[in-house]
Amino acid sequence: MHKFNNLDIYDVNDRNRRIKYMAIKNIYPNVITRRGDLVYDKDENLISIDEALVKTEYDKLLAEYDA
């Protein structure tokens, strides 16, 4: 199954949020929960993320999606 399966059913903003979450999960596989722009591990500990790394991964995933 394609990793972007069903993203076309969402509006652009929601799709972009979902791709951002995919980018975060790719970099930080211990992320379990997302609340807004905050992410947590299985014990509800806040995980500090590097936004520059997330942006790089996000751009890569978005390019794959648009291809």
PDB file of N, CA and C in Angstrom:
ATOM      1  N   MET A   1       0.844  -1.179   0.000  1.00  0.00           N
ATOM      2  CA  MET A   1       0.000   0.000   0.000  1.00  0.00           C
ATOM      3  C   MET A   1       0.889   1.243   0.000  1.00  0.00           C
ATOM      4  N   HIS A   2       0.541   2.204  -0.795  1.00  0.00           N
ATOM      5  CA  HIS A   2       1.284   3.451  -0.888  1.00  0.00           C
ATOM      6  C   HIS A   2       1.145   4.232   0.412  1.00  0.00           C
ATOM      7  N   LYS A   3       2.250   4.825   0.881  1.00  0.00           N
ATOM      8  CA  LYS A   3       2.214   5.510   2.174  1.00  0.00           C
ATOM      9  C   LYS A   3       1.333   6.753   2.178  1.00  0.00           C
ATOM     10  N   PHE A   4       0.968   7.245   0.997  1.00  0.00           N
ATOM     11  CA  PHE A   4       0.100   8.411   0.918  1.00  0.00           C
ATOM     12  C   PHE A   4      -1.345   8.028   0.618  1.00  0.00           C
ATOM     13  N   ASN A   5      -1.654   6.767   0.744  1.00  0.00           N
ATOM     14  CA  ASN A   5      -3.002   6.288   0.473  1.00  0.00           C
ATOM     15  C   ASN A   5      -4.032   7.126   1.231  1.00  0.00           C
ATOM     16  N   ASN A   6      -5.063   7.550   0.554  1.00  0.00           N
ATOM     17  CA  ASN A   6      -6.199   8.275   1.123  1.00  0.00           C
ATOM     18  C   ASN A   6      -5.925   9.729   1.484  1.00  0.00           C
ATOM     19  N   LEU A   7      -4.737  10.275   1.252  1.00  0.00           N
ATOM     20  CA  LEU A   7      -4.505  11.679   1.577  1.00  0.00           C
ATOM     21  C   LEU A   7      -5.277  12.607   0.650  1.00  0.00           C
ATOM     22  N   ASP A   8      -5.664  12.132  -0.516  1.00  0.00           N
ATOM     23  CA  ASP A   8      -6.395  12.976  -1.455  1.00  0.00           C
ATOM     24  C   ASP A   8      -7.791  13.334  -0.969  1.00  0.00           C
ATOM     25  N   ILE A   9      -8.300  12.613   0.027  1.00  0.00           N
ATOM     26  CA  ILE A   9      -9.653  12.905   0.503  1.00  0.00           C
ATOM     27  C   ILE A   9      -9.675  14.083   1.474  1.00  0.00           C
ATOM     28  N   TYR A  10      -8.503  14.563   1.902  1.00  0.00           N
ATOM     29  CA  TYR A  10      -8.440  15.663   2.854  1.00  0.00           C
ATOM     30  C   TYR A  10      -8.212  16.984   2.131  1.00  0.00           C
ATOM     31  N   ASP A  11      -8.644  18.085   2.779  1.00  0.00           N
ATOM     32  CA  ASP A  11      -8.322  19.380   2.198  1.00  0.00           C
ATOM     33  C   ASP A  11      -6.817  19.619   2.325  1.00  0.00           C
ATOM     34  N   VAL A  12      -6.321  20.603   1.621  1.00  0.00           N
ATOM     35  CA  VAL A  12      -4.877  20.836   1.531  1.00  0.00           C
ATOM     36  C   VAL A  12      -4.260  21.062   2.911  1.00  0.00           C
ATOM     37  N   ASN A  13      -4.903  21.858   3.761  1.00  0.00           N
ATOM     38  CA  ASN A  13      -4.338  22.129   5.081  1.00  0.00           C
ATOM     39  C   ASN A  13      -4.247  20.864   5.917  1.00  0.00           C
ATOM     40  N   ASP A  14      -5.297  20.059   5.902  1.00  0.00           N
ATOM     41  CA  ASP A  14      -5.276  18.821   6.674  1.00  0.00           C
ATOM     42  C   ASP A  14      -4.243  17.858   6.096  1.00  0.00           C
ATOM     43  N   ARG A  15      -4.173  17.776   4.783  1.00  0.00           N
ATOM     44  CA  ARG A  15      -3.176  16.916   4.133  1.00  0.00           C
ATOM     45  C   ARG A  15      -1.766  17.327   4.552  1.00  0.00           C
ATOM     46  N   ASN A  16      -1.506  18.634   4.569  1.00  0.00           N
ATOM     47  CA  ASN A  16      -0.183  19.125   4.946  1.00  0.00           C
ATOM     48  C   ASN A  16       0.142  18.808   6.400  1.00  0.00           C
ATOM     49  N   ARG A  17      -0.857  18.911   7.286  1.00  0.00           N
ATOM     50  CA  ARG A  17      -0.646  18.537   8.693  1.00  0.00           C
ATOM     51  C   ARG A  17      -0.322  17.054   8.808  1.00  0.00           C
ATOM     52  N   ARG A  18      -1.014  16.236   8.039  1.00  0.00           N
ATOM     53  CA  ARG A  18      -0.766  14.796   8.081  1.00  0.00           C
ATOM     54  C   ARG A  18       0.629  14.461   7.537  1.00  0.00           C
ATOM     55  N   ILE A  19       1.043  15.135   6.480  1.00  0.00           N
ATOM     56  CA  ILE A  19       2.387  14.902   5.942  1.00  0.00           C
ATOM     57  C   ILE A  19       3.431  15.382   6.952  1.00  0.00           C
ATOM     58  N   LYS A  20       3.166  16.492   7.632  1.00  0.00           N
ATOM     59  CA  LYS A  20       4.107  16.954   8.662  1.00  0.00           C
ATOM     60  C   LYS A  20       4.225  15.910   9.765  1.00  0.00           C
ATOM     61  N   TYR A  21       3.103  15.324  10.179  1.00  0.00           N
ATOM     62  CA  TYR A  21       3.145  14.295  11.218  1.00  0.00           C
ATOM     63  C   TYR A  21       3.921  13.070  10.724  1.00  0.00           C
ATOM     64  N   MET A  22       3.749  12.711   9.454  1.00  0.00           N
ATOM     65  CA  MET A  22       4.532  11.607   8.883  1.00  0.00           C
ATOM     66  C   MET A  22       6.021  11.937   8.948  1.00  0.00           C
ATOM     67  N   ALA A  23       6.380  13.182   8.650  1.00  0.00           N
ATOM     68  CA  ALA A  23       7.780  13.605   8.704  1.00  0.00           C
ATOM     69  C   ALA A  23       8.314  13.480  10.131  1.00  0.00           C
ATOM     70  N   ILE A  24       7.526  13.922  11.097  1.00  0.00           N
ATOM     71  CA  ILE A  24       7.934  13.813  12.500  1.00  0.00           C
ATOM     72  C   ILE A  24       8.125  12.352  12.880  1.00  0.00           C
ATOM     73  N   LYS A  25       7.178  11.489  12.499  1.00  0.00           N
ATOM     74  CA  LYS A  25       7.269  10.062  12.825  1.00  0.00           C
ATOM     75  C   LYS A  25       8.484   9.415  12.165  1.00  0.00           C
ATOM     76  N   ASN A  26       8.845   9.856  10.958  1.00  0.00           N
ATOM     77  CA  ASN A  26      10.029   9.308  10.288  1.00  0.00           C
ATOM     78  C   ASN A  26      11.303   9.636  11.055  1.00  0.00           C
ATOM     79  N   ILE A  27      11.359  10.829  11.628  1.00  0.00           N
ATOM     80  CA  ILE A  27      12.553  11.270  12.344  1.00  0.00           C
ATOM     81  C   ILE A  27      12.542  10.806  13.800  1.00  0.00           C
ATOM     82  N   TYR A  28      11.363  10.832  14.398  1.00  0.00           N
ATOM     83  CA  TYR A  28      11.207  10.479  15.816  1.00  0.00           C
ATOM     84  C   TYR A  28      10.205   9.325  15.933  1.00  0.00           C
ATOM     85  N   PRO A  29      10.647   8.096  15.699  1.00  0.00           N
ATOM     86  CA  PRO A  29       9.715   6.964  15.703  1.00  0.00           C
ATOM     87  C   PRO A  29       9.067   6.680  17.061  1.00  0.00           C
ATOM     88  N   ASN A  30       9.597   7.274  18.132  1.00  0.00           N
ATOM     89  CA  ASN A  30       9.000   7.064  19.447  1.00  0.00           C
ATOM     90  C   ASN A  30       7.796   7.974  19.704  1.00  0.00           C
ATOM     91  N   VAL A  31       7.464   8.846  18.760  1.00  0.00           N
ATOM     92  CA  VAL A  31       6.283   9.696  18.891  1.00  0.00           C
ATOM     93  C   VAL A  31       5.037   8.827  18.781  1.00  0.00           C
ATOM     94  N   ILE A  32       4.159   8.983  19.760  1.00  0.00           N
ATOM     95  CA  ILE A  32       2.910   8.227  19.782  1.00  0.00           C
ATOM     96  C   ILE A  32       1.704   9.149  19.626  1.00  0.00           C
ATOM     97  N   THR A  33       1.758  10.312  20.279  1.00  0.00           N
ATOM     98  CA  THR A  33       0.611  11.207  20.338  1.00  0.00           C
ATOM     99  C   THR A  33       0.992  12.584  19.811  1.00  0.00           C
ATOM    100  N   ARG A  34       0.041  13.182  19.094  1.00  0.00           N
ATOM    101  CA  ARG A  34       0.226  14.557  18.606  1.00  0.00           C
ATOM    102  C   ARG A  34      -0.954  15.380  19.097  1.00  0.00           C
ATOM    103  N   ARG A  35      -0.649  16.544  19.640  1.00  0.00           N
ATOM    104  CA  ARG A  35      -1.686  17.509  20.025  1.00  0.00           C
ATOM    105  C   ARG A  35      -1.246  18.861  19.499  1.00  0.00           C
ATOM    106  N   GLY A  36      -1.845  19.271  18.407  1.00  0.00           N
ATOM    107  CA  GLY A  36      -1.406  20.508  17.759  1.00  0.00           C
ATOM    108  C   GLY A  36      -0.001  20.320  17.236  1.00  0.00           C
ATOM    109  N   ASP A  37       0.904  21.194  17.622  1.00  0.00           N
ATOM    110  CA  ASP A  37       2.304  21.089  17.194  1.00  0.00           C
ATOM    111  C   ASP A  37       3.179  20.389  18.223  1.00  0.00           C
ATOM    112  N   LEU A  38       2.574  19.866  19.282  1.00  0.00           N
ATOM    113  CA  LEU A  38       3.334  19.162  20.318  1.00  0.00           C
ATOM    114  C   LEU A  38       3.204  17.662  20.121  1.00  0.00           C
ATOM    115  N   VAL A  39       4.296  16.942  20.383  1.00  0.00           N
ATOM    116  CA  VAL A  39       4.275  15.483  20.242  1.00  0.00           C
ATOM    117  C   VAL A  39       4.817  14.837  21.509  1.00  0.00           C
ATOM    118  N   TYR A  40       4.302  13.626  21.783  1.00  0.00           N
ATOM    119  CA  TYR A  40       4.606  12.941  23.026  1.00  0.00           C
ATOM    120  C   TYR A  40       4.957  11.483  22.760  1.00  0.00           C
ATOM    121  N   ASP A  41       5.716  10.906  23.687  1.00  0.00           N
ATOM    122  CA  ASP A  41       6.034   9.486  23.595  1.00  0.00           C
ATOM    123  C   ASP A  41       4.937   8.673  24.294  1.00  0.00           C
ATOM    124  N   LYS A  42       5.148   7.371  24.405  1.00  0.00           N
ATOM    125  CA  LYS A  42       4.117   6.482  24.970  1.00  0.00           C
ATOM    126  C   LYS A  42       3.811   6.779  26.432  1.00  0.00           C
ATOM    127  N   ASP A  43       4.741   7.425  27.128  1.00  0.00           N
ATOM    128  CA  ASP A  43       4.547   7.776  28.534  1.00  0.00           C
ATOM    129  C   ASP A  43       4.055   9.211  28.712  1.00  0.00           C
ATOM    130  N   GLU A  44       3.635   9.826  27.605  1.00  0.00           N
ATOM    131  CA  GLU A  44       3.139  11.205  27.601  1.00  0.00           C
ATOM    132  C   GLU A  44       4.215  12.233  27.929  1.00  0.00           C
ATOM    133  N   ASN A  45       5.479  11.868  27.709  1.00  0.00           N
ATOM    134  CA  ASN A  45       6.566  12.827  27.853  1.00  0.00           C
ATOM    135  C   ASN A  45       6.662  13.655  26.578  1.00  0.00           C
ATOM    136  N   LEU A  46       6.748  14.948  26.740  1.00  0.00           N
ATOM    137  CA  LEU A  46       6.889  15.849  25.598  1.00  0.00           C
ATOM    138  C   LEU A  46       8.224  15.591  24.907  1.00  0.00           C
ATOM    139  N   ILE A  47       8.186  15.479  23.582  1.00  0.00           N
ATOM    140  CA  ILE A  47       9.398  15.268  22.801  1.00  0.00           C
ATOM    141  C   ILE A  47       9.741  16.579  22.108  1.00  0.00           C
ATOM    142  N   SER A  48      10.950  17.036  22.331  1.00  0.00           N
ATOM    143  CA  SER A  48      11.436  18.238  21.674  1.00  0.00           C
ATOM    144  C   SER A  48      11.873  17.863  20.265  1.00  0.00           C
ATOM    145  N   ILE A  49      11.358  18.589  19.275  1.00  0.00           N
ATOM    146  CA  ILE A  49      11.696  18.270  17.890  1.00  0.00           C
ATOM    147  C   ILE A  49      12.504  19.395  17.258  1.00  0.00           C
ATOM    148  N   ASP A  50      13.344  19.012  16.324  1.00  0.00           N
ATOM    149  CA  ASP A  50      14.145  19.962  15.555  1.00  0.00           C
ATOM    150  C   ASP A  50      13.334  20.343  14.318  1.00  0.00           C
ATOM    151  N   GLU A  51      12.803  21.549  14.328  1.00  0.00           N
ATOM    152  CA  GLU A  51      11.925  21.990  13.236  1.00  0.00           C
ATOM    153  C   GLU A  51      12.635  22.002  11.881  1.00  0.00           C
ATOM    154  N   ALA A  52      13.928  22.278  11.863  1.00  0.00           N
ATOM    155  CA  ALA A  52      14.672  22.281  10.599  1.00  0.00           C
ATOM    156  C   ALA A  52      14.724  20.875  10.007  1.00  0.00           C
ATOM    157  N   LEU A  53      14.955  19.872  10.856  1.00  0.00           N
ATOM    158  CA  LEU A  53      14.949  18.477  10.379  1.00  0.00           C
ATOM    159  C   LEU A  53      13.566  18.081   9.882  1.00  0.00           C
ATOM    160  N   VAL A  54      12.554  18.479  10.634  1.00  0.00           N
ATOM    161  CA  VAL A  54      11.178  18.154  10.243  1.00  0.00           C
ATOM    162  C   VAL A  54      10.844  18.814   8.911  1.00  0.00           C
ATOM    163  N   LYS A  55      11.244  20.061   8.730  1.00  0.00           N
ATOM    164  CA  LYS A  55      10.973  20.777   7.468  1.00  0.00           C
ATOM    165  C   LYS A  55      11.647  20.077   6.290  1.00  0.00           C
ATOM    166  N   THR A  56      12.878  19.622   6.484  1.00  0.00           N
ATOM    167  CA  THR A  56      13.591  18.915   5.417  1.00  0.00           C
ATOM    168  C   THR A  56      12.862  17.625   5.044  1.00  0.00           C
ATOM    169  N   GLU A  57      12.457  16.864   6.049  1.00  0.00           N
ATOM    170  CA  GLU A  57      11.732  15.610   5.799  1.00  0.00           C
ATOM    171  C   GLU A  57      10.361  15.889   5.190  1.00  0.00           C
ATOM    172  N   TYR A  58       9.691  16.920   5.685  1.00  0.00           N
ATOM    173  CA  TYR A  58       8.388  17.321   5.158  1.00  0.00           C
ATOM    174  C   TYR A  58       8.500  17.654   3.667  1.00  0.00           C
ATOM    175  N   ASP A  59       9.504  18.458   3.314  1.00  0.00           N
ATOM    176  CA  ASP A  59       9.690  18.834   1.912  1.00  0.00           C
ATOM    177  C   ASP A  59       9.922  17.606   1.043  1.00  0.00           C
ATOM    178  N   LYS A  60      10.701  16.650   1.554  1.00  0.00           N
ATOM    179  CA  LYS A  60      10.958  15.408   0.814  1.00  0.00           C
ATOM    180  C   LYS A  60       9.654  14.632   0.606  1.00  0.00           C
ATOM    181  N   LEU A  61       8.856  14.493   1.675  1.00  0.00           N
ATOM    182  CA  LEU A  61       7.597  13.754   1.563  1.00  0.00           C
ATOM    183  C   LEU A  61       6.608  14.469   0.652  1.00  0.00           C
ATOM    184  N   LEU A  62       6.546  15.782   0.745  1.00  0.00           N
ATOM    185  CA  LEU A  62       5.640  16.534  -0.113  1.00  0.00           C
ATOM    186  C   LEU A  62       6.030  16.388  -1.579  1.00  0.00           C
ATOM    187  N   ALA A  63       7.315  16.410  -1.869  1.00  0.00           N
ATOM    188  CA  ALA A  63       7.787  16.206  -3.248  1.00  0.00           C
ATOM    189  C   ALA A  63       7.395  14.811  -3.744  1.00  0.00           C
ATOM    190  N   GLU A  64       7.532  13.799  -2.874  1.00  0.00           N
ATOM    191  CA  GLU A  64       7.116  12.442  -3.246  1.00  0.00           C
ATOM    192  C   GLU A  64       5.621  12.384  -3.516  1.00  0.00           C
ATOM    193  N   TYR A  65       4.842  13.054  -2.659  1.00  0.00           N
ATOM    194  CA  TYR A  65       3.393  13.067  -2.821  1.00  0.00           C
ATOM    195  C   TYR A  65       2.978  13.744  -4.128  1.00  0.00           C
ATOM    196  N   ASP A  66       3.644  14.852  -4.440  1.00  0.00           N
ATOM    197  CA  ASP A  66       3.296  15.616  -5.639  1.00  0.00           C
ATOM    198  C   ASP A  66       3.789  14.963  -6.925  1.00  0.00           C
ATOM    199  N   ALA A  67       4.695  13.989  -6.797  1.00  0.00           N
ATOM    200  CA  ALA A  67       5.267  13.341  -7.992  1.00  0.00           C
ATOM    201  C   ALA A  67       4.264  12.447  -8.679  1.00  0.00           C
TER     202      ALA A  67
END
